[in-house]
Structures are given as structure tokens and as C-alpha cells.
PDB file of N, CA and C in Angstrom:
ATOM      1  N   MET A   1      -0.806  -8.749   9.738  1.00  0.00           N
ATOM      2  CA  MET A   1      -0.765  -7.195   8.602  1.00  0.00           C
ATOM      3  C   MET A   1       0.233  -6.390   8.901  1.00  0.00           C
ATOM      4  N   THR A   2       0.818  -6.184   7.419  1.00  0.00           N
ATOM      5  CA  THR A   2       2.592  -5.547   7.230  1.00  0.00           C
ATOM      6  C   THR A   2       2.252  -4.097   6.997  1.00  0.00           C
ATOM      7  N   PHE A   3       1.452  -3.818   6.258  1.00  0.00           N
ATOM      8  CA  PHE A   3       1.537  -2.797   5.694  1.00  0.00           C
ATOM      9  C   PHE A   3       0.604  -1.887   6.115  1.00  0.00           C
ATOM     10  N   ILE A   4       0.134  -0.351   6.108  1.00  0.00           N
ATOM     11  CA  ILE A   4      -1.543   0.519   6.169  1.00  0.00           C
ATOM     12  C   ILE A   4      -0.491   1.232   5.359  1.00  0.00           C
ATOM     13  N   GLU A   5      -1.560   2.059   4.495  1.00  0.00           N
ATOM     14  CA  GLU A   5      -1.794   2.178   3.790  1.00  0.00           C
ATOM     15  C   GLU A   5      -2.512   3.848   3.586  1.00  0.00           C
ATOM     16  N   LEU A   6      -3.126   5.539   3.492  1.00  0.00           N
ATOM     17  CA  LEU A   6      -3.417   5.699   4.215  1.00  0.00           C
ATOM     18  C   LEU A   6      -4.017   7.157   3.032  1.00  0.00           C
ATOM     19  N   GLY A   7      -5.313   7.486   2.712  1.00  0.00           N
ATOM     20  CA  GLY A   7      -5.373   7.982   1.506  1.00  0.00           C
ATOM     21  C   GLY A   7      -5.810   9.666   1.748  1.00  0.00           C
ATOM     22  N   VAL A   8      -5.439  11.046   0.523  1.00  0.00           N
ATOM     23  CA  VAL A   8      -5.477  11.827   1.640  1.00  0.00           C
ATOM     24  C   VAL A   8      -6.115  12.849  -0.108  1.00  0.00           C
ATOM     25  N   ASP A   9      -6.193  14.253   0.205  1.00  0.00           N
ATOM     26  CA  ASP A   9      -6.221  14.463  -0.800  1.00  0.00           C
ATOM     27  C   ASP A   9      -4.835  15.017  -1.880  1.00  0.00           C
ATOM     28  N   ASP A  10      -4.612  15.155  -1.104  1.00  0.00           N
ATOM     29  CA  ASP A  10      -3.377  15.671  -0.897  1.00  0.00           C
ATOM     30  C   ASP A  10      -1.607  15.095  -0.003  1.00  0.00           C
ATOM     31  N   ALA A  11      -0.628  15.308  -0.762  1.00  0.00           N
ATOM     32  CA  ALA A  11      -0.119  13.546  -0.290  1.00  0.00           C
ATOM     33  C   ALA A  11       1.110  14.460   0.317  1.00  0.00           C
ATOM     34  N   ASP A  12       1.369  15.802   0.281  1.00  0.00           N
ATOM     35  CA  ASP A  12       2.850  16.589   0.344  1.00  0.00           C
ATOM     36  C   ASP A  12       1.765  17.208   1.376  1.00  0.00           C
ATOM     37  N   ARG A  13       0.718  17.993   1.462  1.00  0.00           N
ATOM     38  CA  ARG A  13       0.142  18.812   2.992  1.00  0.00           C
ATOM     39  C   ARG A  13      -0.427  17.048   3.815  1.00  0.00           C
ATOM     40  N   GLY A  14      -0.252  15.719   3.312  1.00  0.00           N
ATOM     41  CA  GLY A  14      -1.057  14.944   4.790  1.00  0.00           C
ATOM     42  C   GLY A  14       0.606  14.451   5.659  1.00  0.00           C
ATOM     43  N   ARG A  15       1.765  14.270   4.130  1.00  0.00           N
ATOM     44  CA  ARG A  15       3.062  14.389   5.098  1.00  0.00           C
ATOM     45  C   ARG A  15       3.460  15.384   6.212  1.00  0.00           C
ATOM     46  N   THR A  16       3.304  16.713   5.820  1.00  0.00           N
ATOM     47  CA  THR A  16       3.185  18.053   6.947  1.00  0.00           C
ATOM     48  C   THR A  16       2.660  17.585   8.168  1.00  0.00           C
ATOM     49  N   PHE A  17       0.685  16.890   8.437  1.00  0.00           N
ATOM     50  CA  PHE A  17       0.063  16.335   8.913  1.00  0.00           C
ATOM     51  C   PHE A  17       0.590  15.588  10.242  1.00  0.00           C
ATOM     52  N   TYR A  18       0.578  14.385   9.415  1.00  0.00           N
ATOM     53  CA  TYR A  18       1.360  12.870   9.887  1.00  0.00           C
ATOM     54  C   TYR A  18       2.892  13.479  10.551  1.00  0.00           C
ATOM     55  N   GLU A  19       3.652  14.221  10.049  1.00  0.00           N
ATOM     56  CA  GLU A  19       5.000  14.347  10.566  1.00  0.00           C
ATOM     57  C   GLU A  19       5.031  14.812  11.900  1.00  0.00           C
ATOM     58  N   ALA A  20       4.392  15.641  11.880  1.00  0.00           N
ATOM     59  CA  ALA A  20       3.864  17.090  13.250  1.00  0.00           C
ATOM     60  C   ALA A  20       3.058  16.781  13.926  1.00  0.00           C
ATOM     61  N   LEU A  21       2.166  15.185  13.613  1.00  0.00           N
ATOM     62  CA  LEU A  21       1.598  14.332  14.960  1.00  0.00           C
ATOM     63  C   LEU A  21       2.281  13.360  15.225  1.00  0.00           C
ATOM     64  N   PHE A  22       2.520  13.095  14.295  1.00  0.00           N
ATOM     65  CA  PHE A  22       3.356  11.722  14.915  1.00  0.00           C
ATOM     66  C   PHE A  22       5.392  11.828  14.720  1.00  0.00           C
ATOM     67  N   GLY A  23       6.007  12.082  13.852  1.00  0.00           N
ATOM     68  CA  GLY A  23       7.457  12.586  13.973  1.00  0.00           C
ATOM     69  C   GLY A  23       7.707  11.447  12.704  1.00  0.00           C
ATOM     70  N   TRP A  24       6.434  10.722  12.028  1.00  0.00           N
ATOM     71  CA  TRP A  24       7.562   9.788  11.750  1.00  0.00           C
ATOM     72  C   TRP A  24       7.727  10.428  10.252  1.00  0.00           C
ATOM     73  N   ARG A  25       8.797   9.232   9.565  1.00  0.00           N
ATOM     74  CA  ARG A  25       9.608   9.721   8.721  1.00  0.00           C
ATOM     75  C   ARG A  25       9.357   9.644   7.704  1.00  0.00           C
ATOM     76  N   PHE A  26       9.654  10.324   6.275  1.00  0.00           N
ATOM     77  CA  PHE A  26       8.897   9.417   4.864  1.00  0.00           C
ATOM     78  C   PHE A  26       9.575   9.729   3.997  1.00  0.00           C
ATOM     79  N   GLU A  27       9.093   8.708   3.310  1.00  0.00           N
ATOM     80  CA  GLU A  27      10.423   8.819   2.118  1.00  0.00           C
ATOM     81  C   GLU A  27       9.494   8.222  -0.101  1.00  0.00           C
ATOM     82  N   PRO A  28       9.849   8.931  -0.657  1.00  0.00           N
ATOM     83  CA  PRO A  28       8.728   8.989  -2.495  1.00  0.00           C
ATOM     84  C   PRO A  28       8.563   7.619  -1.386  1.00  0.00           C
ATOM     85  N   GLY A  29       7.924   7.312  -2.293  1.00  0.00           N
ATOM     86  CA  GLY A  29       6.484   6.334  -2.446  1.00  0.00           C
ATOM     87  C   GLY A  29       7.124   5.627  -3.415  1.00  0.00           C
ATOM     88  N   PRO A  30       6.558   3.794  -4.130  1.00  0.00           N
ATOM     89  CA  PRO A  30       6.532   3.192  -5.205  1.00  0.00           C
ATOM     90  C   PRO A  30       5.987   4.461  -6.524  1.00  0.00           C
ATOM     91  N   SER A  31       4.655   4.713  -6.465  1.00  0.00           N
ATOM     92  CA  SER A  31       3.693   4.837  -7.526  1.00  0.00           C
ATOM     93  C   SER A  31       4.436   6.284  -7.371  1.00  0.00           C
ATOM     94  N   GLY A  32       4.950   7.248  -6.853  1.00  0.00           N
ATOM     95  CA  GLY A  32       5.403   8.870  -7.360  1.00  0.00           C
ATOM     96  C   GLY A  32       4.084   9.827  -6.921  1.00  0.00           C
ATOM     97  N   ASN A  33       3.284   9.223  -6.719  1.00  0.00           N
ATOM     98  CA  ASN A  33       2.414   9.653  -6.519  1.00  0.00           C
ATOM     99  C   ASN A  33       2.345   9.964  -4.295  1.00  0.00           C
ATOM    100  N   GLY A  34       3.140   9.757  -4.243  1.00  0.00           N
ATOM    101  CA  GLY A  34       2.584   9.904  -2.062  1.00  0.00           C
ATOM    102  C   GLY A  34       4.407   8.867  -1.573  1.00  0.00           C
ATOM    103  N   TYR A  35       4.099   8.730  -0.562  1.00  0.00           N
ATOM    104  CA  TYR A  35       5.134   9.019   0.142  1.00  0.00           C
ATOM    105  C   TYR A  35       4.790   6.346   1.431  1.00  0.00           C
ATOM    106  N   MET A  36       6.539   6.605   1.269  1.00  0.00           N
ATOM    107  CA  MET A  36       6.083   5.570   2.244  1.00  0.00           C
ATOM    108  C   MET A  36       6.354   6.419   3.455  1.00  0.00           C
ATOM    109  N   ILE A  37       5.961   5.426   4.419  1.00  0.00           N
ATOM    110  CA  ILE A  37       6.046   6.118   6.159  1.00  0.00           C
ATOM    111  C   ILE A  37       7.101   4.542   6.559  1.00  0.00           C
ATOM    112  N   HIS A  38       7.917   5.766   7.725  1.00  0.00           N
ATOM    113  CA  HIS A  38       8.692   4.922   8.692  1.00  0.00           C
ATOM    114  C   HIS A  38       8.327   5.606  10.174  1.00  0.00           C
ATOM    115  N   THR A  39       7.685   4.228  11.056  1.00  0.00           N
ATOM    116  CA  THR A  39       6.955   4.654  11.899  1.00  0.00           C
ATOM    117  C   THR A  39       7.639   4.031  13.676  1.00  0.00           C
ATOM    118  N   PRO A  40       7.810   3.295  14.282  1.00  0.00           N
ATOM    119  CA  PRO A  40       8.053   3.129  15.157  1.00  0.00           C
ATOM    120  C   PRO A  40       7.608   2.136  15.124  1.00  0.00           C
ATOM    121  N   ASP A  41       6.401   1.266  14.677  1.00  0.00           N
ATOM    122  CA  ASP A  41       5.539   0.547  14.936  1.00  0.00           C
ATOM    123  C   ASP A  41       5.859  -0.478  13.635  1.00  0.00           C
ATOM    124  N   GLY A  42       6.316   0.298  12.359  1.00  0.00           N
ATOM    125  CA  GLY A  42       6.596   0.351  11.430  1.00  0.00           C
ATOM    126  C   GLY A  42       6.306  -0.013   9.791  1.00  0.00           C
ATOM    127  N   ARG A  43       5.850  -0.167   9.115  1.00  0.00           N
ATOM    128  CA  ARG A  43       5.533   0.941   8.170  1.00  0.00           C
ATOM    129  C   ARG A  43       3.843   1.195   7.426  1.00  0.00           C
ATOM    130  N   ALA A  44       4.200   2.649   7.177  1.00  0.00           N
ATOM    131  CA  ALA A  44       2.590   2.467   6.072  1.00  0.00           C
ATOM    132  C   ALA A  44       3.368   3.381   5.087  1.00  0.00           C
ATOM    133  N   GLY A  45       2.296   3.884   4.445  1.00  0.00           N
ATOM    134  CA  GLY A  45       2.319   4.274   3.196  1.00  0.00           C
ATOM    135  C   GLY A  45       0.807   5.645   2.816  1.00  0.00           C
ATOM    136  N   ILE A  46       1.487   6.943   2.817  1.00  0.00           N
ATOM    137  CA  ILE A  46       0.060   7.925   2.173  1.00  0.00           C
ATOM    138  C   ILE A  46       0.976   7.878   0.863  1.00  0.00           C
ATOM    139  N   HIS A  47      -0.889   8.589  -0.232  1.00  0.00           N
ATOM    140  CA  HIS A  47      -0.592   8.480  -1.200  1.00  0.00           C
ATOM    141  C   HIS A  47      -1.635   9.991  -1.816  1.00  0.00           C
ATOM    142  N   GLY A  48      -2.302  10.393  -3.280  1.00  0.00           N
ATOM    143  CA  GLY A  48      -2.773  11.293  -2.272  1.00  0.00           C
ATOM    144  C   GLY A  48      -4.259  11.042  -4.185  1.00  0.00           C
ATOM    145  N   GLY A  49      -4.881  11.594  -4.193  1.00  0.00           N
ATOM    146  CA  GLY A  49      -5.957  12.012  -4.999  1.00  0.00           C
ATOM    147  C   GLY A  49      -6.489  11.069  -4.515  1.00  0.00           C
ATOM    148  N   ASP A  50      -7.331  10.360  -2.752  1.00  0.00           N
ATOM    149  CA  ASP A  50      -7.827   9.778  -2.591  1.00  0.00           C
ATOM    150  C   ASP A  50      -8.702  10.157  -1.493  1.00  0.00           C
ATOM    151  N   ALA A  51      -9.202  11.910  -1.624  1.00  0.00           N
ATOM    152  CA  ALA A  51      -9.825  12.425  -0.356  1.00  0.00           C
ATOM    153  C   ALA A  51     -10.971  11.456   0.744  1.00  0.00           C
ATOM    154  N   GLY A  52     -10.682  11.656   1.530  1.00  0.00           N
ATOM    155  CA  GLY A  52     -11.606  10.655   2.536  1.00  0.00           C
ATOM    156  C   GLY A  52     -11.863   9.182   2.476  1.00  0.00           C
ATOM    157  N   ALA A  53     -10.638   8.596   2.295  1.00  0.00           N
ATOM    158  CA  ALA A  53     -10.580   7.814   2.268  1.00  0.00           C
ATOM    159  C   ALA A  53     -10.112   7.056   3.706  1.00  0.00           C
ATOM    160  N   SER A  54     -10.695   5.837   3.666  1.00  0.00           N
ATOM    161  CA  SER A  54     -10.514   4.755   4.218  1.00  0.00           C
ATOM    162  C   SER A  54      -8.883   4.347   4.258  1.00  0.00           C
ATOM    163  N   PRO A  55      -8.134   3.641   5.310  1.00  0.00           N
ATOM    164  CA  PRO A  55      -7.394   2.615   5.338  1.00  0.00           C
ATOM    165  C   PRO A  55      -6.947   1.492   4.306  1.00  0.00           C
ATOM    166  N   TYR A  56      -6.150   1.318   3.558  1.00  0.00           N
ATOM    167  CA  TYR A  56      -6.177   0.428   3.010  1.00  0.00           C
ATOM    168  C   TYR A  56      -5.095  -0.292   3.940  1.00  0.00           C
ATOM    169  N   VAL A  57      -5.572  -1.520   4.755  1.00  0.00           N
ATOM    170  CA  VAL A  57      -4.700  -3.274   5.255  1.00  0.00           C
ATOM    171  C   VAL A  57      -3.639  -4.028   4.000  1.00  0.00           C
ATOM    172  N   PHE A  58      -2.670  -3.886   3.958  1.00  0.00           N
ATOM    173  CA  PHE A  58      -2.202  -4.890   3.396  1.00  0.00           C
ATOM    174  C   PHE A  58      -1.057  -6.149   3.851  1.00  0.00           C
ATOM    175  N   ILE A  59      -1.666  -7.429   3.741  1.00  0.00           N
ATOM    176  CA  ILE A  59      -1.908  -8.640   4.255  1.00  0.00           C
ATOM    177  C   ILE A  59      -0.381  -8.947   3.319  1.00  0.00           C
ATOM    178  N   SER A  60       0.701  -9.474   4.652  1.00  0.00           N
ATOM    179  CA  SER A  60       1.837  -9.745   4.151  1.00  0.00           C
ATOM    180  C   SER A  60       1.377 -11.400   2.863  1.00  0.00           C
ATOM    181  N   VAL A  61       2.170 -11.222   1.892  1.00  0.00           N
ATOM    182  CA  VAL A  61       1.897 -12.671   1.019  1.00  0.00           C
ATOM    183  C   VAL A  61       3.095 -13.591   0.983  1.00  0.00           C
ATOM    184  N   PRO A  62       4.113 -14.696   0.420  1.00  0.00           N
ATOM    185  CA  PRO A  62       5.224 -15.482   0.317  1.00  0.00           C
ATOM    186  C   PRO A  62       5.084 -14.929  -0.841  1.00  0.00           C
ATOM    187  N   ASP A  63       4.088 -14.925  -1.860  1.00  0.00           N
ATOM    188  CA  ASP A  63       4.083 -15.605  -3.127  1.00  0.00           C
ATOM    189  C   ASP A  63       3.271 -14.782  -3.684  1.00  0.00           C
ATOM    190  N   ILE A  64       3.043 -12.920  -4.530  1.00  0.00           N
ATOM    191  CA  ILE A  64       1.548 -12.062  -4.111  1.00  0.00           C
ATOM    192  C   ILE A  64       1.601 -12.783  -5.785  1.00  0.00           C
ATOM    193  N   ASP A  65       2.313 -13.077  -6.681  1.00  0.00           N
ATOM    194  CA  ASP A  65       1.130 -14.390  -8.210  1.00  0.00           C
ATOM    195  C   ASP A  65       0.427 -15.099  -7.911  1.00  0.00           C
ATOM    196  N   ALA A  66       1.175 -15.736  -6.751  1.00  0.00           N
ATOM    197  CA  ALA A  66       0.144 -17.010  -5.937  1.00  0.00           C
ATOM    198  C   ALA A  66      -1.168 -17.155  -5.432  1.00  0.00           C
ATOM    199  N   ALA A  67      -0.816 -15.653  -4.986  1.00  0.00           N
ATOM    200  CA  ALA A  67      -1.762 -14.921  -4.227  1.00  0.00           C
ATOM    201  C   ALA A  67      -3.089 -14.403  -4.676  1.00  0.00           C
ATOM    202  N   MET A  68      -2.103 -13.695  -6.129  1.00  0.00           N
ATOM    203  CA  MET A  68      -3.376 -12.812  -7.074  1.00  0.00           C
ATOM    204  C   MET A  68      -4.107 -14.042  -7.248  1.00  0.00           C
ATOM    205  N   ASP A  69      -3.741 -15.002  -7.729  1.00  0.00           N
ATOM    206  CA  ASP A  69      -4.303 -16.161  -8.457  1.00  0.00           C
ATOM    207  C   ASP A  69      -5.371 -16.596  -7.471  1.00  0.00           C
ATOM    208  N   ARG A  70      -4.710 -17.529  -6.264  1.00  0.00           N
ATOM    209  CA  ARG A  70      -6.066 -17.391  -5.392  1.00  0.00           C
ATOM    210  C   ARG A  70      -7.277 -16.244  -4.890  1.00  0.00           C
ATOM    211  N   VAL A  71      -6.835 -14.780  -5.321  1.00  0.00           N
ATOM    212  CA  VAL A  71      -7.799 -14.423  -4.431  1.00  0.00           C
ATOM    213  C   VAL A  71      -8.770 -14.891  -6.527  1.00  0.00           C
ATOM    214  N   ARG A  72      -8.786 -14.788  -6.743  1.00  0.00           N
ATOM    215  CA  ARG A  72      -9.181 -14.478  -8.164  1.00  0.00           C
ATOM    216  C   ARG A  72      -9.999 -15.537  -7.770  1.00  0.00           C
ATOM    217  N   GLU A  73      -9.790 -17.194  -7.671  1.00  0.00           N
ATOM    218  CA  GLU A  73     -10.503 -18.406  -7.803  1.00  0.00           C
ATOM    219  C   GLU A  73     -11.245 -18.702  -6.676  1.00  0.00           C
ATOM    220  N   LEU A  74     -11.199 -17.325  -6.126  1.00  0.00           N
ATOM    221  CA  LEU A  74     -12.141 -17.400  -5.111  1.00  0.00           C
ATOM    222  C   LEU A  74     -13.343 -16.784  -5.259  1.00  0.00           C
ATOM    223  N   GLY A  75     -13.540 -15.855  -5.685  1.00  0.00           N
ATOM    224  CA  GLY A  75     -14.370 -15.282  -6.328  1.00  0.00           C
ATOM    225  C   GLY A  75     -13.677 -14.017  -6.289  1.00  0.00           C
ATOM    226  N   GLY A  76     -13.038 -13.419  -5.969  1.00  0.00           N
ATOM    227  CA  GLY A  76     -12.302 -11.991  -5.751  1.00  0.00           C
ATOM    228  C   GLY A  76     -11.895 -10.974  -7.025  1.00  0.00           C
ATOM    229  N   VAL A  77     -11.671 -10.504  -6.559  1.00  0.00           N
ATOM    230  CA  VAL A  77     -11.616  -9.206  -8.153  1.00  0.00           C
ATOM    231  C   VAL A  77      -9.713  -8.552  -7.550  1.00  0.00           C
ATOM    232  N   VAL A  78      -8.840  -8.495  -8.499  1.00  0.00           N
ATOM    233  CA  VAL A  78      -6.857  -7.993  -8.044  1.00  0.00           C
ATOM    234  C   VAL A  78      -7.502  -6.747  -9.237  1.00  0.00           C
ATOM    235  N   GLU A  79      -7.001  -5.666  -8.238  1.00  0.00           N
ATOM    236  CA  GLU A  79      -7.625  -4.626  -9.097  1.00  0.00           C
ATOM    237  C   GLU A  79      -6.435  -3.973 -10.081  1.00  0.00           C
ATOM    238  N   ASP A  80      -7.520  -3.912 -11.405  1.00  0.00           N
ATOM    239  CA  ASP A  80      -5.414  -2.989 -12.384  1.00  0.00           C
ATOM    240  C   ASP A  80      -5.169  -1.921 -11.780  1.00  0.00           C
ATOM    241  N   MET A  81      -5.685  -1.159 -10.896  1.00  0.00           N
ATOM    242  CA  MET A  81      -4.442   0.090 -10.043  1.00  0.00           C
ATOM    243  C   MET A  81      -3.130  -0.577  -9.909  1.00  0.00           C
ATOM    244  N   ASP A  82      -1.498   0.701 -10.710  1.00  0.00           N
ATOM    245  CA  ASP A  82      -0.486  -0.342 -11.008  1.00  0.00           C
ATOM    246  C   ASP A  82      -0.150   0.816  -9.481  1.00  0.00           C
ATOM    247  N   VAL A  83      -0.274   0.101  -7.782  1.00  0.00           N
ATOM    248  CA  VAL A  83       0.277   0.716  -6.997  1.00  0.00           C
ATOM    249  C   VAL A  83       2.487   0.182  -6.404  1.00  0.00           C
ATOM    250  N   GLU A  84       2.717  -0.513  -7.444  1.00  0.00           N
ATOM    251  CA  GLU A  84       3.641  -1.172  -7.082  1.00  0.00           C
ATOM    252  C   GLU A  84       5.158   0.119  -8.167  1.00  0.00           C
ATOM    253  N   GLY A  85       5.265   0.252  -8.869  1.00  0.00           N
ATOM    254  CA  GLY A  85       6.500   1.915  -8.877  1.00  0.00           C
ATOM    255  C   GLY A  85       7.253   0.373  -9.766  1.00  0.00           C
ATOM    256  N   ASP A  86       7.730   0.547  -9.884  1.00  0.00           N
ATOM    257  CA  ASP A  86       9.166   0.240 -10.837  1.00  0.00           C
ATOM    258  C   ASP A  86       9.637  -0.740 -10.428  1.00  0.00           C
ATOM    259  N   ASP A  87      10.776  -2.091 -11.165  1.00  0.00           N
ATOM    260  CA  ASP A  87      11.453  -2.456 -10.512  1.00  0.00           C
ATOM    261  C   ASP A  87      12.786  -1.810  -9.995  1.00  0.00           C
ATOM    262  N   GLU A  88      13.318  -1.489  -9.672  1.00  0.00           N
ATOM    263  CA  GLU A  88      13.906   0.160  -8.698  1.00  0.00           C
ATOM    264  C   GLU A  88      12.737  -0.012  -7.056  1.00  0.00           C
ATOM    265  N   SER A  89      12.104   0.391  -7.279  1.00  0.00           N
ATOM    266  CA  SER A  89      10.856   0.199  -6.360  1.00  0.00           C
ATOM    267  C   SER A  89      10.577  -0.877  -5.571  1.00  0.00           C
ATOM    268  N   GLN A  90      10.808  -1.703  -6.172  1.00  0.00           N
ATOM    269  CA  GLN A  90       9.809  -3.178  -5.836  1.00  0.00           C
ATOM    270  C   GLN A  90      10.899  -3.961  -4.837  1.00  0.00           C
ATOM    271  N   ALA A  91      11.937  -3.513  -5.751  1.00  0.00           N
ATOM    272  CA  ALA A  91      13.429  -4.016  -4.761  1.00  0.00           C
ATOM    273  C   ALA A  91      13.417  -3.539  -3.012  1.00  0.00           C
ATOM    274  N   ARG A  92      12.768  -2.169  -3.091  1.00  0.00           N
ATOM    275  CA  ARG A  92      12.948  -1.699  -1.577  1.00  0.00           C
ATOM    276  C   ARG A  92      12.390  -1.572  -1.517  1.00  0.00           C
ATOM    277  N   HIS A  93      10.812  -1.698  -1.642  1.00  0.00           N
ATOM    278  CA  HIS A  93       9.473  -1.939  -0.896  1.00  0.00           C
ATOM    279  C   HIS A  93       8.988  -2.915  -0.833  1.00  0.00           C
ATOM    280  N   GLY A  94       8.636  -3.848  -2.114  1.00  0.00           N
ATOM    281  CA  GLY A  94       8.202  -5.073  -2.218  1.00  0.00           C
ATOM    282  C   GLY A  94       7.205  -4.765  -2.652  1.00  0.00           C
ATOM    283  N   ARG A  95       6.121  -5.678  -3.647  1.00  0.00           N
ATOM    284  CA  ARG A  95       5.338  -5.754  -4.141  1.00  0.00           C
ATOM    285  C   ARG A  95       3.919  -5.642  -3.380  1.00  0.00           C
ATOM    286  N   PHE A  96       2.659  -4.320  -3.990  1.00  0.00           N
ATOM    287  CA  PHE A  96       1.433  -4.428  -3.231  1.00  0.00           C
ATOM    288  C   PHE A  96       0.038  -4.546  -4.796  1.00  0.00           C
ATOM    289  N   LYS A  97      -0.666  -5.461  -4.405  1.00  0.00           N
ATOM    290  CA  LYS A  97      -1.613  -5.351  -5.380  1.00  0.00           C
ATOM    291  C   LYS A  97      -2.972  -5.209  -4.406  1.00  0.00           C
ATOM    292  N   LEU A  98      -3.594  -4.544  -4.626  1.00  0.00           N
ATOM    293  CA  LEU A  98      -5.166  -4.078  -4.393  1.00  0.00           C
ATOM    294  C   LEU A  98      -5.968  -4.947  -4.877  1.00  0.00           C
ATOM    295  N   CYS A  99      -6.750  -5.716  -3.866  1.00  0.00           N
ATOM    296  CA  CYS A  99      -7.830  -6.759  -4.299  1.00  0.00           C
ATOM    297  C   CYS A  99      -9.731  -6.265  -3.930  1.00  0.00           C
ATOM    298  N   ARG A 100     -10.207  -6.733  -3.365  1.00  0.00           N
ATOM    299  CA  ARG A 100     -12.129  -6.838  -3.299  1.00  0.00           C
ATOM    300  C   ARG A 100     -12.116  -8.337  -3.352  1.00  0.00           C
ATOM    301  N   ASP A 101     -12.649  -8.883  -1.766  1.00  0.00           N
ATOM    302  CA  ASP A 101     -12.808  -9.846  -1.747  1.00  0.00           C
ATOM    303  C   ASP A 101     -14.479 -10.112  -2.706  1.00  0.00           C
ATOM    304  N   ASP A 102     -14.990 -11.729  -2.195  1.00  0.00           N
ATOM    305  CA  ASP A 102     -15.494 -11.380  -2.641  1.00  0.00           C
ATOM    306  C   ASP A 102     -17.493 -11.081  -2.546  1.00  0.00           C
ATOM    307  N   GLN A 103     -17.358 -10.884  -1.616  1.00  0.00           N
ATOM    308  CA  GLN A 103     -18.150  -9.230  -1.814  1.00  0.00           C
ATOM    309  C   GLN A 103     -17.850  -8.050  -1.910  1.00  0.00           C
ATOM    310  N   GLY A 104     -16.628  -7.805  -2.056  1.00  0.00           N
ATOM    311  CA  GLY A 104     -17.027  -6.556  -2.556  1.00  0.00           C
ATOM    312  C   GLY A 104     -15.689  -5.248  -1.622  1.00  0.00           C
ATOM    313  N   SER A 105     -15.343  -5.815  -1.031  1.00  0.00           N
ATOM    314  CA  SER A 105     -14.986  -5.236   0.527  1.00  0.00           C
ATOM    315  C   SER A 105     -13.603  -5.797  -0.020  1.00  0.00           C
ATOM    316  N   PRO A 106     -12.609  -3.961   0.182  1.00  0.00           N
ATOM    317  CA  PRO A 106     -11.133  -3.977  -0.512  1.00  0.00           C
ATOM    318  C   PRO A 106      -9.943  -4.215   0.855  1.00  0.00           C
ATOM    319  N   PHE A 107      -9.145  -4.960   0.589  1.00  0.00           N
ATOM    320  CA  PHE A 107      -7.929  -4.924   0.875  1.00  0.00           C
ATOM    321  C   PHE A 107      -6.931  -5.141   0.308  1.00  0.00           C
ATOM    322  N   GLY A 108      -5.499  -5.828   1.057  1.00  0.00           N
ATOM    323  CA  GLY A 108      -4.153  -5.989  -0.412  1.00  0.00           C
ATOM    324  C   GLY A 108      -3.609  -6.362   0.069  1.00  0.00           C
ATOM    325  N   LEU A 109      -2.410  -7.070  -0.599  1.00  0.00           N
ATOM    326  CA  LEU A 109      -1.833  -8.057  -0.486  1.00  0.00           C
ATOM    327  C   LEU A 109       0.198  -6.798  -0.888  1.00  0.00           C
ATOM    328  N   HIS A 110       0.624  -7.382  -0.017  1.00  0.00           N
ATOM    329  CA  HIS A 110       1.768  -7.225   0.021  1.00  0.00           C
ATOM    330  C   HIS A 110       3.321  -8.888  -0.450  1.00  0.00           C
ATOM    331  N   GLN A 111       3.998  -8.429  -1.081  1.00  0.00           N
ATOM    332  CA  GLN A 111       5.058  -9.124  -0.868  1.00  0.00           C
ATOM    333  C   GLN A 111       6.447  -8.479  -0.591  1.00  0.00           C
ATOM    334  N   PRO A 112       6.634  -8.291   0.640  1.00  0.00           N
ATOM    335  CA  PRO A 112       8.004  -7.664   0.601  1.00  0.00           C
ATOM    336  C   PRO A 112       9.080  -8.248   0.098  1.00  0.00           C
ATOM    337  N   PRO A 113      10.067  -6.760   0.037  1.00  0.00           N
ATOM    338  CA  PRO A 113      10.968  -7.309  -0.807  1.00  0.00           C
ATOM    339  C   PRO A 113      11.835  -8.025  -0.691  1.00  0.00           C
ATOM    340  N   ASN A 114      12.547  -8.863  -1.789  1.00  0.00           N
ATOM    341  CA  ASN A 114      13.138 -10.209  -1.132  1.00  0.00           C
ATOM    342  C   ASN A 114      15.470  -9.557  -0.440  1.00  0.00           C
ATOM    343  N   GLY A 115      15.764 -10.542   1.055  1.00  0.00           N
ATOM    344  CA  GLY A 115      16.471  -9.777   1.247  1.00  0.00           C
ATOM    345  C   GLY A 115      16.497  -9.072   2.687  1.00  0.00           C
TER     346      GLY A 115
END
């Protein structure tokens, strides 16, 4: 796994909470509705408008387009929601896609940025 995303009602309030609790460092995220989080153990994200959400787990893949095709071939679903942001954001943070497996369970794909 390369990335975990926390869903909260208010991203700014979530930032305040997790900064105070863990001392994490935050920067604006790719979707414009949250933040990228830098922790001693890796990177994560937080987004608003998703009160009470369970964390999203993103799995690293070398080619996100091929992985999305494979998800569909296996009976899963690639969500339409844009979580990737613009080209500049993708270059900095990589590409992200939310998916569901063939039983409806959510997970995410993450293609890390090049270089």
C-alpha cells in the first residue's frame, strides 16, 4: 500500500485535529477539497464532505490505465469521481482512482509520480 485517504466532514477542521494529535505536515491536495499529509511513516490524504467515512486504502500500480482496465475485466468498477486533480498536481502527487471490487468493496489505485 502506498497511500491512505481519510474522509471527514470539514477538511480544515480535520487538518487542525490531526496536526495537533500527530504533528503531521499538510499541503494542499490534488482535488482542491483537502490536503496531502506527510507523516514519518509515509504519505496520506484528507478530504472534506465525507463525514464518518472509513479510510480509503490506495494500492500502488505502475500503470493506472492498465490497472483500471483489469479492474473492469474482473467485474469491478472504476468510479467516475475525479480524485486526481490537474496535470501539475498529478506530476507532484501521482494519479489516483477510486474503485470497487466485484463484490462492491471500495479500494483505490495509485500510480506514484514519475521520478
